[in-house]
Amino acid sequence: MDHERAKELFTSYHDEELSPEEAAALEQHLAGCEPCRLEWEDYRRTIDEISGLHLLRPPADFTHNVEQKIRRRSRGRFFGEQRSLGTHFAVVSFILILLFILAYLVLTAVTEITVAEESSDGGPPPTPSARGAAAE
């Protein structure tokens, strides 16, 4: 085993993730290689010292403050207001209702224009009672 491969295995060896064969090969290399053994001892000591550090909890509003800063700097591209499915449904429904009203108004106007053109032969449009009397 060469020096670089031994150094690559330090983390896995410390976490006991190596196969028995790999662990034995690394231990044999460390027994015969002074520079790797010294580096292994430094690595293990450093990991042990770091493991003893206390975890610090962030302030309660830390996440909120970070999101606000990102929102402010990105001008709302991230963490912007998210519309719910109900909001999308309401917007689509409103647009459809407006389109139906517009279609109704256009069809009503076209019908009135058509009726006005048919009765433009000089007299007022016939009333329902006048039409019945003319048919007799």
Protein backbone atom coordinates (compact mmCIF):
# COMPACT_ATOMS: atom_id res chain seq x y z
CA MET A 1 0.00 0.00 0.00
CA ASP A 2 1.35 3.45 -0.89
CA HIS A 3 1.24 6.61 1.24
CA GLU A 4 -1.59 8.30 -0.71
CA ARG A 5 -3.87 5.26 -0.49
CA ALA A 6 -3.20 4.95 3.25
CA LYS A 7 -4.16 8.62 3.78
CA GLU A 8 -7.34 8.13 1.74
CA LEU A 9 -8.39 5.33 4.10
CA PHE A 10 -7.91 7.29 7.37
CA THR A 11 -11.54 8.49 7.58
CA SER A 12 -13.02 5.08 6.78
CA TYR A 13 -10.61 3.40 9.19
CA HIS A 14 -11.51 5.81 12.00
CA ASP A 15 -15.24 5.24 11.33
CA GLU A 16 -14.65 1.46 11.22
CA GLU A 17 -16.04 1.23 7.70
CA LEU A 18 -13.18 -0.73 6.14
CA SER A 19 -13.38 -4.40 5.31
CA PRO A 20 -11.21 -6.60 7.55
CA GLU A 21 -8.73 -7.05 4.69
CA GLU A 22 -8.38 -3.30 4.05
CA ALA A 23 -8.07 -2.56 7.77
CA ALA A 24 -5.34 -5.21 8.14
CA ALA A 25 -3.46 -3.83 5.11
CA LEU A 26 -3.61 -0.30 6.52
CA GLU A 27 -2.49 -1.41 9.97
CA GLN A 28 0.43 -3.30 8.42
CA HIS A 29 1.40 -0.21 6.42
CA LEU A 30 1.17 2.03 9.51
CA ALA A 31 3.35 -0.39 11.47
CA GLY A 32 6.13 -0.14 8.90
CA CYS A 33 5.81 3.49 7.73
CA GLU A 34 6.81 6.17 10.22
CA PRO A 35 5.50 9.21 8.23
CA CYS A 36 2.06 7.62 7.72
CA ARG A 37 1.87 6.52 11.35
CA LEU A 38 2.64 10.08 12.54
CA GLU A 39 0.06 11.50 10.17
CA TRP A 40 -2.50 8.91 11.35
CA GLU A 41 -1.87 9.89 14.97
CA ASP A 42 -2.30 13.59 14.08
CA TYR A 43 -5.51 12.78 12.22
CA ARG A 44 -6.95 10.70 15.08
CA ARG A 45 -6.00 13.31 17.70
CA THR A 46 -7.59 16.10 15.65
CA ILE A 47 -10.81 14.14 15.12
CA ASP A 48 -10.99 13.27 18.82
CA GLU A 49 -10.51 16.93 19.79
CA ILE A 50 -13.14 18.13 17.34
CA SER A 51 -15.58 15.49 18.56
CA GLY A 52 -15.41 16.97 22.05
CA LEU A 53 -16.61 20.41 20.95
CA HIS A 54 -20.07 21.49 22.00
CA LEU A 55 -22.59 22.15 19.32
CA LEU A 56 -23.86 25.71 19.23
CA ARG A 57 -27.49 26.28 18.37
CA PRO A 58 -28.29 29.14 16.03
CA PRO A 59 -30.66 31.88 17.19
CA ALA A 60 -34.36 31.04 16.90
CA ASP A 61 -34.95 33.44 13.98
CA PHE A 62 -31.73 32.59 12.12
CA THR A 63 -33.43 30.78 9.22
CA HIS A 64 -36.05 33.50 8.87
CA ASN A 65 -33.38 36.22 8.83
CA VAL A 66 -31.35 34.40 6.18
CA GLU A 67 -34.45 33.93 4.00
CA GLN A 68 -35.32 37.62 4.38
CA LYS A 69 -31.82 38.67 3.37
CA ILE A 70 -31.91 36.37 0.33
CA ARG A 71 -35.39 37.64 -0.61
CA ARG A 72 -34.23 41.24 -0.27
CA ARG A 73 -31.03 40.78 -2.28
CA SER A 74 -32.62 38.62 -4.99
CA ARG A 75 -35.66 40.90 -5.22
CA GLY A 76 -38.05 38.01 -4.53
CA ARG A 77 -36.68 35.45 -7.00
CA PHE A 78 -36.04 33.07 -4.10
CA PHE A 79 -38.38 32.47 -1.18
CA GLY A 80 -41.05 34.55 -2.93
CA GLU A 81 -44.72 34.31 -2.21
CA GLN A 82 -45.99 30.90 -3.22
CA ARG A 83 -49.50 30.77 -4.58
CA SER A 84 -51.58 27.85 -3.49
CA LEU A 85 -53.64 25.66 -5.79
CA GLY A 86 -56.77 27.42 -4.52
CA THR A 87 -55.38 30.78 -5.63
CA HIS A 88 -54.62 29.45 -9.11
CA PHE A 89 -58.12 27.95 -9.32
CA ALA A 90 -59.70 31.26 -8.29
CA VAL A 91 -57.73 33.21 -10.89
CA VAL A 92 -58.59 30.77 -13.69
CA SER A 93 -62.26 30.72 -12.63
CA PHE A 94 -62.40 34.53 -12.62
CA ILE A 95 -60.90 34.71 -16.11
CA LEU A 96 -63.35 32.09 -17.43
CA ILE A 97 -66.32 33.98 -15.95
CA LEU A 98 -65.13 37.18 -17.59
CA LEU A 99 -64.78 35.39 -20.93
CA PHE A 100 -68.33 33.95 -20.66
CA ILE A 101 -69.74 37.40 -19.84
CA LEU A 102 -67.87 38.92 -22.77
CA ALA A 103 -69.12 36.18 -25.12
CA TYR A 104 -72.69 36.72 -23.90
CA LEU A 105 -72.46 40.46 -24.46
CA VAL A 106 -71.03 40.02 -27.96
CA LEU A 107 -73.69 37.46 -28.93
CA THR A 108 -76.47 39.67 -27.54
CA ALA A 109 -75.16 42.68 -29.44
CA VAL A 110 -74.92 40.67 -32.68
CA THR A 111 -78.50 39.40 -32.23
CA GLU A 112 -79.80 42.94 -31.64
CA ILE A 113 -77.98 44.18 -34.74
CA THR A 114 -79.41 41.32 -36.81
CA VAL A 115 -82.97 41.98 -35.59
CA ALA A 116 -82.54 45.70 -36.25
CA GLU A 117 -81.31 45.00 -39.82
CA GLU A 118 -84.25 42.67 -40.57
CA SER A 119 -86.79 45.24 -39.41
CA SER A 120 -85.15 48.15 -41.21
CA ASP A 121 -87.56 47.80 -44.15
CA GLY A 122 -89.28 50.96 -43.02
CA GLY A 123 -91.56 50.05 -40.17
CA PRO A 124 -91.16 49.09 -36.56
CA PRO A 125 -90.36 45.45 -35.81
CA PRO A 126 -93.49 43.33 -35.60
CA THR A 127 -94.79 42.53 -32.16
CA PRO A 128 -95.75 38.98 -31.23
CA SER A 129 -99.48 39.83 -31.31
CA ALA A 130 -99.14 41.49 -34.73
CA ARG A 131 -97.36 38.42 -36.09
CA GLY A 132 -100.19 36.17 -34.89
CA ALA A 133 -102.84 38.41 -36.45
CA ALA A 134 -100.99 38.51 -39.77
CA ALA A 135 -100.84 34.71 -39.88
CA GLU A 136 -104.67 34.40 -39.65
